[in-house]
Amino acid sequence: AGRKPENHGTVEEGARLIGPVYIGENTVIRSGSYIVGPVSIGDSCD
């Protein structure tokens, strides 16, 4: 609940992030994905 949005990875065109979403290093969020925070995704995820 207290996390702030941070993006250290890659969010492809067409993916949608809403609210506080944390994305770790080398993580890829692929097109068409829909993520509503608060959400935390670690490093090197696909």
ModelCIF file with pLDDT and N, C-alpha, C, O atoms, coordinates in Angstrom:
data_MODEL
#
_entry.id   MODEL 
#
_entity.id                         1 
_entity.type                       polymer 
_entity.pdbx_number_of_molecules   1 
#
_entity_poly.entity_id                      1 
_entity_poly.type                           'polypeptide(L)' 
_entity_poly.nstd_linkage                   no 
_entity_poly.nstd_monomer                   no 
_entity_poly.pdbx_seq_one_letter_code       AGRKPENHGTVEEGARLIGPVYIGENTVIRSGSYIVGPVSIGDSCD 
_entity_poly.pdbx_seq_one_letter_code_can   AGRKPENHGTVEEGARLIGPVYIGENTVIRSGSYIVGPVSIGDSCD 
_entity_poly.pdbx_strand_id                 A 
#
loop_
_entity_poly_seq.entity_id 
_entity_poly_seq.num 
_entity_poly_seq.mon_id 
_entity_poly_seq.hetero 
1 1  ALA n 
1 2  GLY n 
1 3  ARG n 
1 4  LYS n 
1 5  PRO n 
1 6  GLU n 
1 7  ASN n 
1 8  HIS n 
1 9  GLY n 
1 10 THR n 
1 11 VAL n 
1 12 GLU n 
1 13 GLU n 
1 14 GLY n 
1 15 ALA n 
1 16 ARG n 
1 17 LEU n 
1 18 ILE n 
1 19 GLY n 
1 20 PRO n 
1 21 VAL n 
1 22 TYR n 
1 23 ILE n 
1 24 GLY n 
1 25 GLU n 
1 26 ASN n 
1 27 THR n 
1 28 VAL n 
1 29 ILE n 
1 30 ARG n 
1 31 SER n 
1 32 GLY n 
1 33 SER n 
1 34 TYR n 
1 35 ILE n 
1 36 VAL n 
1 37 GLY n 
1 38 PRO n 
1 39 VAL n 
1 40 SER n 
1 41 ILE n 
1 42 GLY n 
1 43 ASP n 
1 44 SER n 
1 45 CYS n 
1 46 ASP n 
#
_struct_asym.id          A 
_struct_asym.entity_id   1 
#
loop_
_ma_qa_metric.id 
_ma_qa_metric.mode 
_ma_qa_metric.name 
_ma_qa_metric.software_group_id 
_ma_qa_metric.type 
1 global pLDDT . pLDDT 
2 local  pLDDT . pLDDT 
#
_ma_qa_metric_global.metric_id      1 
_ma_qa_metric_global.metric_value   96.61 
_ma_qa_metric_global.model_id       1 
_ma_qa_metric_global.ordinal_id     1 
#
loop_
_ma_qa_metric_local.label_asym_id 
_ma_qa_metric_local.label_comp_id 
_ma_qa_metric_local.label_seq_id 
_ma_qa_metric_local.metric_id 
_ma_qa_metric_local.metric_value 
_ma_qa_metric_local.model_id 
_ma_qa_metric_local.ordinal_id 
A ALA 1  2 92.00 1 1  
A GLY 2  2 81.00 1 2  
A ARG 3  2 87.00 1 3  
A LYS 4  2 91.00 1 4  
A PRO 5  2 95.00 1 5  
A GLU 6  2 96.00 1 6  
A ASN 7  2 97.00 1 7  
A HIS 8  2 97.00 1 8  
A GLY 9  2 97.00 1 9  
A THR 10 2 98.00 1 10 
A VAL 11 2 98.00 1 11 
A GLU 12 2 98.00 1 12 
A GLU 13 2 97.00 1 13 
A GLY 14 2 97.00 1 14 
A ALA 15 2 98.00 1 15 
A ARG 16 2 97.00 1 16 
A LEU 17 2 97.00 1 17 
A ILE 18 2 97.00 1 18 
A GLY 19 2 96.00 1 19 
A PRO 20 2 97.00 1 20 
A VAL 21 2 98.00 1 21 
A TYR 22 2 97.00 1 22 
A ILE 23 2 98.00 1 23 
A GLY 24 2 97.00 1 24 
A GLU 25 2 98.00 1 25 
A ASN 26 2 98.00 1 26 
A THR 27 2 98.00 1 27 
A VAL 28 2 98.00 1 28 
A ILE 29 2 98.00 1 29 
A ARG 30 2 98.00 1 30 
A SER 31 2 98.00 1 31 
A GLY 32 2 98.00 1 32 
A SER 33 2 98.00 1 33 
A TYR 34 2 98.00 1 34 
A ILE 35 2 98.00 1 35 
A VAL 36 2 98.00 1 36 
A GLY 37 2 95.00 1 37 
A PRO 38 2 97.00 1 38 
A VAL 39 2 98.00 1 39 
A SER 40 2 98.00 1 40 
A ILE 41 2 98.00 1 41 
A GLY 42 2 97.00 1 42 
A ASP 43 2 98.00 1 43 
A SER 44 2 98.00 1 44 
A CYS 45 2 98.00 1 45 
A ASP 46 2 98.00 1 46 
#
loop_
_atom_site.group_PDB 
_atom_site.id 
_atom_site.type_symbol 
_atom_site.label_atom_id 
_atom_site.label_alt_id 
_atom_site.label_comp_id 
_atom_site.label_asym_id 
_atom_site.label_entity_id 
_atom_site.label_seq_id 
_atom_site.pdbx_PDB_ins_code 
_atom_site.Cartn_x 
_atom_site.Cartn_y 
_atom_site.Cartn_z 
_atom_site.occupancy 
_atom_site.B_iso_or_equiv 
_atom_site.pdbx_formal_charge 
_atom_site.auth_seq_id 
_atom_site.auth_comp_id 
_atom_site.auth_asym_id 
_atom_site.auth_atom_id 
_atom_site.pdbx_PDB_model_num 
ATOM 1   N N  . ALA A 1 1  ? 0.817  -1.217  0.000   1.00 92.00 ? 1  ALA A N  1 
ATOM 2   C CA . ALA A 1 1  ? 0.000  0.000   0.000   1.00 92.00 ? 1  ALA A CA 1 
ATOM 3   C C  . ALA A 1 1  ? 0.852  1.269   0.000   1.00 92.00 ? 1  ALA A C  1 
ATOM 4   O O  . ALA A 1 1  ? 0.428  2.302   -0.517  1.00 92.00 ? 1  ALA A O  1 
ATOM 5   N N  . GLY A 1 2  ? 2.049  1.192   0.577   1.00 81.00 ? 2  GLY A N  1 
ATOM 6   C CA . GLY A 1 2  ? 2.885  2.375   0.650   1.00 81.00 ? 2  GLY A CA 1 
ATOM 7   C C  . GLY A 1 2  ? 3.901  2.497   -0.474  1.00 81.00 ? 2  GLY A C  1 
ATOM 8   O O  . GLY A 1 2  ? 4.688  3.444   -0.488  1.00 81.00 ? 2  GLY A O  1 
ATOM 9   N N  . ARG A 1 3  ? 3.903  1.558   -1.421  1.00 87.00 ? 3  ARG A N  1 
ATOM 10  C CA . ARG A 1 3  ? 4.886  1.599   -2.498  1.00 87.00 ? 3  ARG A CA 1 
ATOM 11  C C  . ARG A 1 3  ? 4.556  2.683   -3.523  1.00 87.00 ? 3  ARG A C  1 
ATOM 12  O O  . ARG A 1 3  ? 3.392  2.996   -3.771  1.00 87.00 ? 3  ARG A O  1 
ATOM 13  N N  . LYS A 1 4  ? 5.608  3.241   -4.106  1.00 91.00 ? 4  LYS A N  1 
ATOM 14  C CA . LYS A 1 4  ? 5.440  4.225   -5.169  1.00 91.00 ? 4  LYS A CA 1 
ATOM 15  C C  . LYS A 1 4  ? 5.715  3.556   -6.516  1.00 91.00 ? 4  LYS A C  1 
ATOM 16  O O  . LYS A 1 4  ? 6.472  2.588   -6.585  1.00 91.00 ? 4  LYS A O  1 
ATOM 17  N N  . PRO A 1 5  ? 5.102  4.068   -7.588  1.00 95.00 ? 5  PRO A N  1 
ATOM 18  C CA . PRO A 1 5  ? 5.364  3.468   -8.901  1.00 95.00 ? 5  PRO A CA 1 
ATOM 19  C C  . PRO A 1 5  ? 6.817  3.668   -9.323  1.00 95.00 ? 5  PRO A C  1 
ATOM 20  O O  . PRO A 1 5  ? 7.348  4.777   -9.258  1.00 95.00 ? 5  PRO A O  1 
ATOM 21  N N  . GLU A 1 6  ? 7.447  2.584   -9.756  1.00 96.00 ? 6  GLU A N  1 
ATOM 22  C CA . GLU A 1 6  ? 8.814  2.643   -10.265 1.00 96.00 ? 6  GLU A CA 1 
ATOM 23  C C  . GLU A 1 6  ? 8.937  1.651   -11.412 1.00 96.00 ? 6  GLU A C  1 
ATOM 24  O O  . GLU A 1 6  ? 8.407  0.541   -11.345 1.00 96.00 ? 6  GLU A O  1 
ATOM 25  N N  . ASN A 1 7  ? 9.628  2.051   -12.449 1.00 97.00 ? 7  ASN A N  1 
ATOM 26  C CA . ASN A 1 7  ? 9.831  1.159   -13.593 1.00 97.00 ? 7  ASN A CA 1 
ATOM 27  C C  . ASN A 1 7  ? 11.315 1.075   -13.921 1.00 97.00 ? 7  ASN A C  1 
ATOM 28  O O  . ASN A 1 7  ? 11.904 2.028   -14.431 1.00 97.00 ? 7  ASN A O  1 
ATOM 29  N N  . HIS A 1 8  ? 11.910 -0.071  -13.623 1.00 97.00 ? 8  HIS A N  1 
ATOM 30  C CA . HIS A 1 8  ? 13.315 -0.304  -13.930 1.00 97.00 ? 8  HIS A CA 1 
ATOM 31  C C  . HIS A 1 8  ? 13.457 -1.308  -15.072 1.00 97.00 ? 8  HIS A C  1 
ATOM 32  O O  . HIS A 1 8  ? 14.565 -1.732  -15.398 1.00 97.00 ? 8  HIS A O  1 
ATOM 33  N N  . GLY A 1 9  ? 12.335 -1.686  -15.675 1.00 97.00 ? 9  GLY A N  1 
ATOM 34  C CA . GLY A 1 9  ? 12.357 -2.667  -16.748 1.00 97.00 ? 9  GLY A CA 1 
ATOM 35  C C  . GLY A 1 9  ? 11.875 -2.082  -18.052 1.00 97.00 ? 9  GLY A C  1 
ATOM 36  O O  . GLY A 1 9  ? 12.135 -0.920  -18.364 1.00 97.00 ? 9  GLY A O  1 
ATOM 37  N N  . THR A 1 10 ? 11.161 -2.909  -18.821 1.00 98.00 ? 10 THR A N  1 
ATOM 38  C CA . THR A 1 10 ? 10.647 -2.503  -20.133 1.00 98.00 ? 10 THR A CA 1 
ATOM 39  C C  . THR A 1 10 ? 9.148  -2.753  -20.189 1.00 98.00 ? 10 THR A C  1 
ATOM 40  O O  . THR A 1 10 ? 8.689  -3.862  -19.916 1.00 98.00 ? 10 THR A O  1 
ATOM 41  N N  . VAL A 1 11 ? 8.384  -1.722  -20.543 1.00 98.00 ? 11 VAL A N  1 
ATOM 42  C CA . VAL A 1 11 ? 6.940  -1.848  -20.725 1.00 98.00 ? 11 VAL A CA 1 
ATOM 43  C C  . VAL A 1 11 ? 6.655  -1.631  -22.207 1.00 98.00 ? 11 VAL A C  1 
ATOM 44  O O  . VAL A 1 11 ? 6.836  -0.528  -22.722 1.00 98.00 ? 11 VAL A O  1 
ATOM 45  N N  . GLU A 1 12 ? 6.215  -2.672  -22.884 1.00 98.00 ? 12 GLU A N  1 
ATOM 46  C CA . GLU A 1 12 ? 5.973  -2.575  -24.314 1.00 98.00 ? 12 GLU A CA 1 
ATOM 47  C C  . GLU A 1 12 ? 4.760  -1.697  -24.619 1.00 98.00 ? 12 GLU A C  1 
ATOM 48  O O  . GLU A 1 12 ? 3.867  -1.518  -23.791 1.00 98.00 ? 12 GLU A O  1 
ATOM 49  N N  . GLU A 1 13 ? 4.763  -1.163  -25.823 1.00 97.00 ? 13 GLU A N  1 
ATOM 50  C CA . GLU A 1 13 ? 3.618  -0.380  -26.279 1.00 97.00 ? 13 GLU A CA 1 
ATOM 51  C C  . GLU A 1 13 ? 2.372  -1.250  -26.292 1.00 97.00 ? 13 GLU A C  1 
ATOM 52  O O  . GLU A 1 13 ? 2.393  -2.381  -26.777 1.00 97.00 ? 13 GLU A O  1 
ATOM 53  N N  . GLY A 1 14 ? 1.286  -0.706  -25.752 1.00 97.00 ? 14 GLY A N  1 
ATOM 54  C CA . GLY A 1 14 ? 0.034  -1.451  -25.686 1.00 97.00 ? 14 GLY A CA 1 
ATOM 55  C C  . GLY A 1 14 ? -0.223 -2.060  -24.324 1.00 97.00 ? 14 GLY A C  1 
ATOM 56  O O  . GLY A 1 14 ? -1.341 -2.489  -24.040 1.00 97.00 ? 14 GLY A O  1 
ATOM 57  N N  . ALA A 1 15 ? 0.806  -2.107  -23.465 1.00 98.00 ? 15 ALA A N  1 
ATOM 58  C CA . ALA A 1 15 ? 0.587  -2.543  -22.073 1.00 98.00 ? 15 ALA A CA 1 
ATOM 59  C C  . ALA A 1 15 ? 0.079  -1.345  -21.276 1.00 98.00 ? 15 ALA A C  1 
ATOM 60  O O  . ALA A 1 15 ? 0.457  -0.208  -21.559 1.00 98.00 ? 15 ALA A O  1 
ATOM 61  N N  . ARG A 1 16 ? -0.770 -1.590  -20.287 1.00 97.00 ? 16 ARG A N  1 
ATOM 62  C CA . ARG A 1 16 ? -1.342 -0.495  -19.506 1.00 97.00 ? 16 ARG A CA 1 
ATOM 63  C C  . ARG A 1 16 ? -1.090 -0.729  -18.018 1.00 97.00 ? 16 ARG A C  1 
ATOM 64  O O  . ARG A 1 16 ? -1.431 -1.777  -17.470 1.00 97.00 ? 16 ARG A O  1 
ATOM 65  N N  . LEU A 1 17 ? -0.485 0.272   -17.378 1.00 97.00 ? 17 LEU A N  1 
ATOM 66  C CA . LEU A 1 17 ? -0.218 0.233   -15.946 1.00 97.00 ? 17 LEU A CA 1 
ATOM 67  C C  . LEU A 1 17 ? -1.022 1.334   -15.267 1.00 97.00 ? 17 LEU A C  1 
ATOM 68  O O  . LEU A 1 17 ? -0.973 2.491   -15.682 1.00 97.00 ? 17 LEU A O  1 
ATOM 69  N N  . ILE A 1 18 ? -1.761 0.972   -14.224 1.00 97.00 ? 18 ILE A N  1 
ATOM 70  C CA . ILE A 1 18 ? -2.597 1.930   -13.498 1.00 97.00 ? 18 ILE A CA 1 
ATOM 71  C C  . ILE A 1 18 ? -2.218 1.894   -12.021 1.00 97.00 ? 18 ILE A C  1 
ATOM 72  O O  . ILE A 1 18 ? -2.154 0.823   -11.418 1.00 97.00 ? 18 ILE A O  1 
ATOM 73  N N  . GLY A 1 19 ? -1.966 3.069   -11.439 1.00 96.00 ? 19 GLY A N  1 
ATOM 74  C CA . GLY A 1 19 ? -1.653 3.133   -10.018 1.00 96.00 ? 19 GLY A CA 1 
ATOM 75  C C  . GLY A 1 19 ? -0.210 2.741   -9.725  1.00 96.00 ? 19 GLY A C  1 
ATOM 76  O O  . GLY A 1 19 ? 0.606  2.638   -10.641 1.00 96.00 ? 19 GLY A O  1 
ATOM 77  N N  . PRO A 1 20 ? 0.110  2.519   -8.433  1.00 97.00 ? 20 PRO A N  1 
ATOM 78  C CA . PRO A 1 20 ? 1.491  2.234   -8.031  1.00 97.00 ? 20 PRO A CA 1 
ATOM 79  C C  . PRO A 1 20 ? 1.920  0.816   -8.419  1.00 97.00 ? 20 PRO A C  1 
ATOM 80  O O  . PRO A 1 20 ? 1.556  -0.159  -7.761  1.00 97.00 ? 20 PRO A O  1 
ATOM 81  N N  . VAL A 1 21 ? 2.689  0.725   -9.484  1.00 98.00 ? 21 VAL A N  1 
ATOM 82  C CA . VAL A 1 21 ? 3.212  -0.554  -9.961  1.00 98.00 ? 21 VAL A CA 1 
ATOM 83  C C  . VAL A 1 21 ? 4.740  -0.463  -9.936  1.00 98.00 ? 21 VAL A C  1 
ATOM 84  O O  . VAL A 1 21 ? 5.328  0.430   -10.546 1.00 98.00 ? 21 VAL A O  1 
ATOM 85  N N  . TYR A 1 22 ? 5.365  -1.388  -9.232  1.00 97.00 ? 22 TYR A N  1 
ATOM 86  C CA . TYR A 1 22 ? 6.830  -1.454  -9.185  1.00 97.00 ? 22 TYR A CA 1 
ATOM 87  C C  . TYR A 1 22 ? 7.295  -2.555  -10.132 1.00 97.00 ? 22 TYR A C  1 
ATOM 88  O O  . TYR A 1 22 ? 6.822  -3.689  -10.058 1.00 97.00 ? 22 TYR A O  1 
ATOM 89  N N  . ILE A 1 23 ? 8.223  -2.212  -11.020 1.00 98.00 ? 23 ILE A N  1 
ATOM 90  C CA . ILE A 1 23 ? 8.749  -3.174  -11.984 1.00 98.00 ? 23 ILE A CA 1 
ATOM 91  C C  . ILE A 1 23 ? 10.268 -3.222  -11.827 1.00 98.00 ? 23 ILE A C  1 
ATOM 92  O O  . ILE A 1 23 ? 10.938 -2.195  -11.932 1.00 98.00 ? 23 ILE A O  1 
ATOM 93  N N  . GLY A 1 24 ? 10.806 -4.412  -11.575 1.00 97.00 ? 24 GLY A N  1 
ATOM 94  C CA . GLY A 1 24 ? 12.224 -4.573  -11.320 1.00 97.00 ? 24 GLY A CA 1 
ATOM 95  C C  . GLY A 1 24 ? 13.073 -4.532  -12.580 1.00 97.00 ? 24 GLY A C  1 
ATOM 96  O O  . GLY A 1 24 ? 12.567 -4.447  -13.699 1.00 97.00 ? 24 GLY A O  1 
ATOM 97  N N  . GLU A 1 25 ? 14.371 -4.596  -12.362 1.00 98.00 ? 25 GLU A N  1 
ATOM 98  C CA . GLU A 1 25 ? 15.324 -4.533  -13.465 1.00 98.00 ? 25 GLU A CA 1 
ATOM 99  C C  . GLU A 1 25 ? 15.204 -5.747  -14.376 1.00 98.00 ? 25 GLU A C  1 
ATOM 100 O O  . GLU A 1 25 ? 14.999 -6.873  -13.922 1.00 98.00 ? 25 GLU A O  1 
ATOM 101 N N  . ASN A 1 26 ? 15.338 -5.487  -15.678 1.00 98.00 ? 26 ASN A N  1 
ATOM 102 C CA . ASN A 1 26 ? 15.327 -6.531  -16.716 1.00 98.00 ? 26 ASN A CA 1 
ATOM 103 C C  . ASN A 1 26 ? 13.997 -7.265  -16.831 1.00 98.00 ? 26 ASN A C  1 
ATOM 104 O O  . ASN A 1 26 ? 13.921 -8.315  -17.468 1.00 98.00 ? 26 ASN A O  1 
ATOM 105 N N  . THR A 1 27 ? 12.964 -6.727  -16.228 1.00 98.00 ? 27 THR A N  1 
ATOM 106 C CA . THR A 1 27 ? 11.623 -7.299  -16.373 1.00 98.00 ? 27 THR A CA 1 
ATOM 107 C C  . THR A 1 27 ? 10.944 -6.708  -17.605 1.00 98.00 ? 27 THR A C  1 
ATOM 108 O O  . THR A 1 27 ? 11.092 -5.523  -17.902 1.00 98.00 ? 27 THR A O  1 
ATOM 109 N N  . VAL A 1 28 ? 10.199 -7.547  -18.315 1.00 98.00 ? 28 VAL A N  1 
ATOM 110 C CA . VAL A 1 28 ? 9.485  -7.111  -19.513 1.00 98.00 ? 28 VAL A CA 1 
ATOM 111 C C  . VAL A 1 28 ? 7.982  -7.305  -19.304 1.00 98.00 ? 28 VAL A C  1 
ATOM 112 O O  . VAL A 1 28 ? 7.528  -8.407  -18.995 1.00 98.00 ? 28 VAL A O  1 
ATOM 113 N N  . ILE A 1 29 ? 7.222  -6.231  -19.474 1.00 98.00 ? 29 ILE A N  1 
ATOM 114 C CA . ILE A 1 29 ? 5.755  -6.285  -19.457 1.00 98.00 ? 29 ILE A CA 1 
ATOM 115 C C  . ILE A 1 29 ? 5.316  -6.186  -20.913 1.00 98.00 ? 29 ILE A C  1 
ATOM 116 O O  . ILE A 1 29 ? 5.486  -5.143  -21.544 1.00 98.00 ? 29 ILE A O  1 
ATOM 117 N N  . ARG A 1 30 ? 4.762  -7.243  -21.438 1.00 98.00 ? 30 ARG A N  1 
ATOM 118 C CA . ARG A 1 30 ? 4.499  -7.320  -22.873 1.00 98.00 ? 30 ARG A CA 1 
ATOM 119 C C  . ARG A 1 30 ? 3.147  -6.709  -23.257 1.00 98.00 ? 30 ARG A C  1 
ATOM 120 O O  . ARG A 1 30 ? 2.268  -6.519  -22.417 1.00 98.00 ? 30 ARG A O  1 
ATOM 121 N N  . SER A 1 31 ? 3.014  -6.419  -24.510 1.00 98.00 ? 31 SER A N  1 
ATOM 122 C CA . SER A 1 31 ? 1.870  -5.697  -25.071 1.00 98.00 ? 31 SER A CA 1 
ATOM 123 C C  . SER A 1 31 ? 0.551  -6.365  -24.697 1.00 98.00 ? 31 SER A C  1 
ATOM 124 O O  . SER A 1 31 ? 0.433  -7.590  -24.687 1.00 98.00 ? 31 SER A O  1 
ATOM 125 N N  . GLY A 1 32 ? -0.436 -5.525  -24.389 1.00 98.00 ? 32 GLY A N  1 
ATOM 126 C CA . GLY A 1 32 ? -1.768 -6.020  -24.067 1.00 98.00 ? 32 GLY A CA 1 
ATOM 127 C C  . GLY A 1 32 ? -1.956 -6.373  -22.611 1.00 98.00 ? 32 GLY A C  1 
ATOM 128 O O  . GLY A 1 32 ? -3.078 -6.662  -22.193 1.00 98.00 ? 32 GLY A O  1 
ATOM 129 N N  . SER A 1 33 ? -0.900 -6.360  -21.825 1.00 98.00 ? 33 SER A N  1 
ATOM 130 C CA . SER A 1 33 ? -1.027 -6.664  -20.400 1.00 98.00 ? 33 SER A CA 1 
ATOM 131 C C  . SER A 1 33 ? -1.678 -5.484  -19.670 1.00 98.00 ? 33 SER A C  1 
ATOM 132 O O  . SER A 1 33 ? -1.512 -4.327  -20.057 1.00 98.00 ? 33 SER A O  1 
ATOM 133 N N  . TYR A 1 34 ? -2.415 -5.801  -18.617 1.00 98.00 ? 34 TYR A N  1 
ATOM 134 C CA . TYR A 1 34 ? -3.173 -4.804  -17.866 1.00 98.00 ? 34 TYR A CA 1 
ATOM 135 C C  . TYR A 1 34 ? -2.854 -5.023  -16.393 1.00 98.00 ? 34 TYR A C  1 
ATOM 136 O O  . TYR A 1 34 ? -3.189 -6.066  -15.832 1.00 98.00 ? 34 TYR A O  1 
ATOM 137 N N  . ILE A 1 35 ? -2.201 -4.035  -15.761 1.00 98.00 ? 35 ILE A N  1 
ATOM 138 C CA . ILE A 1 35 ? -1.748 -4.183  -14.375 1.00 98.00 ? 35 ILE A CA 1 
ATOM 139 C C  . ILE A 1 35 ? -2.273 -3.017  -13.558 1.00 98.00 ? 35 ILE A C  1 
ATOM 140 O O  . ILE A 1 35 ? -2.061 -1.857  -13.911 1.00 98.00 ? 35 ILE A O  1 
ATOM 141 N N  . VAL A 1 36 ? -2.960 -3.329  -12.463 1.00 98.00 ? 36 VAL A N  1 
ATOM 142 C CA . VAL A 1 36 ? -3.531 -2.315  -11.577 1.00 98.00 ? 36 VAL A CA 1 
ATOM 143 C C  . VAL A 1 36 ? -2.857 -2.435  -10.216 1.00 98.00 ? 36 VAL A C  1 
ATOM 144 O O  . VAL A 1 36 ? -2.948 -3.475  -9.564  1.00 98.00 ? 36 VAL A O  1 
ATOM 145 N N  . GLY A 1 37 ? -2.177 -1.369  -9.786  1.00 95.00 ? 37 GLY A N  1 
ATOM 146 C CA . GLY A 1 37 ? -1.471 -1.391  -8.516  1.00 95.00 ? 37 GLY A CA 1 
ATOM 147 C C  . GLY A 1 37 ? -2.376 -1.179  -7.319  1.00 95.00 ? 37 GLY A C  1 
ATOM 148 O O  . GLY A 1 37 ? -3.536 -0.795  -7.470  1.00 95.00 ? 37 GLY A O  1 
ATOM 149 N N  . PRO A 1 38 ? -1.841 -1.433  -6.113  1.00 97.00 ? 38 PRO A N  1 
ATOM 150 C CA . PRO A 1 38 ? -0.427 -1.685  -5.869  1.00 97.00 ? 38 PRO A CA 1 
ATOM 151 C C  . PRO A 1 38 ? -0.005 -3.108  -6.249  1.00 97.00 ? 38 PRO A C  1 
ATOM 152 O O  . PRO A 1 38 ? -0.620 -4.096  -5.847  1.00 97.00 ? 38 PRO A O  1 
ATOM 153 N N  . VAL A 1 39 ? 1.060  -3.166  -7.035  1.00 98.00 ? 39 VAL A N  1 
ATOM 154 C CA . VAL A 1 39 ? 1.631  -4.432  -7.503  1.00 98.00 ? 39 VAL A CA 1 
ATOM 155 C C  . VAL A 1 39 ? 3.146  -4.288  -7.485  1.00 98.00 ? 39 VAL A C  1 
ATOM 156 O O  . VAL A 1 39 ? 3.683  -3.229  -7.812  1.00 98.00 ? 39 VAL A O  1 
ATOM 157 N N  . SER A 1 40 ? 3.831  -5.365  -7.100  1.00 98.00 ? 40 SER A N  1 
ATOM 158 C CA . SER A 1 40 ? 5.295  -5.374  -7.151  1.00 98.00 ? 40 SER A CA 1 
ATOM 159 C C  . SER A 1 40 ? 5.751  -6.583  -7.960  1.00 98.00 ? 40 SER A C  1 
ATOM 160 O O  . SER A 1 40 ? 5.380  -7.719  -7.666  1.00 98.00 ? 40 SER A O  1 
ATOM 161 N N  . ILE A 1 41 ? 6.562  -6.319  -8.986  1.00 98.00 ? 41 ILE A N  1 
ATOM 162 C CA . ILE A 1 41 ? 7.098  -7.377  -9.843  1.00 98.00 ? 41 ILE A CA 1 
ATOM 163 C C  . ILE A 1 41 ? 8.623  -7.293  -9.768  1.00 98.00 ? 41 ILE A C  1 
ATOM 164 O O  . ILE A 1 41 ? 9.201  -6.236  -10.021 1.00 98.00 ? 41 ILE A O  1 
ATOM 165 N N  . GLY A 1 42 ? 9.263  -8.389  -9.425  1.00 97.00 ? 42 GLY A N  1 
ATOM 166 C CA . GLY A 1 42 ? 10.700 -8.401  -9.187  1.00 97.00 ? 42 GLY A CA 1 
ATOM 167 C C  . GLY A 1 42 ? 11.535 -8.286  -10.444 1.00 97.00 ? 42 GLY A C  1 
ATOM 168 O O  . GLY A 1 42 ? 11.034 -7.927  -11.509 1.00 97.00 ? 42 GLY A O  1 
ATOM 169 N N  . ASP A 1 43 ? 12.815 -8.595  -10.310 1.00 98.00 ? 43 ASP A N  1 
ATOM 170 C CA . ASP A 1 43 ? 13.752 -8.490  -11.418 1.00 98.00 ? 43 ASP A CA 1 
ATOM 171 C C  . ASP A 1 43 ? 13.634 -9.676  -12.370 1.00 98.00 ? 43 ASP A C  1 
ATOM 172 O O  . ASP A 1 43 ? 13.252 -10.777 -11.975 1.00 98.00 ? 43 ASP A O  1 
ATOM 173 N N  . SER A 1 44 ? 13.972 -9.425  -13.633 1.00 98.00 ? 44 SER A N  1 
ATOM 174 C CA . SER A 1 44 ? 14.113 -10.478 -14.647 1.00 98.00 ? 44 SER A CA 1 
ATOM 175 C C  . SER A 1 44 ? 12.864 -11.339 -14.797 1.00 98.00 ? 44 SER A C  1 
ATOM 176 O O  . SER A 1 44 ? 12.952 -12.560 -14.932 1.00 98.00 ? 44 SER A O  1 
ATOM 177 N N  . CYS A 1 45 ? 11.705 -10.693 -14.770 1.00 98.00 ? 45 CYS A N  1 
ATOM 178 C CA . CYS A 1 45 ? 10.439 -11.391 -14.992 1.00 98.00 ? 45 CYS A CA 1 
ATOM 179 C C  . CYS A 1 45 ? 9.962  -11.156 -16.430 1.00 98.00 ? 45 CYS A C  1 
ATOM 180 O O  . CYS A 1 45 ? 10.339 -10.182 -17.080 1.00 98.00 ? 45 CYS A O  1 
ATOM 181 N N  . ASP A 1 46 ? 9.131  -12.070 -16.895 1.00 98.00 ? 46 ASP A N  1 
ATOM 182 C CA . ASP A 1 46 ? 8.545  -11.965 -18.238 1.00 98.00 ? 46 ASP A CA 1 
ATOM 183 C C  . ASP A 1 46 ? 7.038  -12.105 -18.076 1.00 98.00 ? 46 ASP A C  1 
ATOM 184 O O  . ASP A 1 46 ? 6.304  -12.052 -19.062 1.00 98.00 ? 46 ASP A O  1 
#
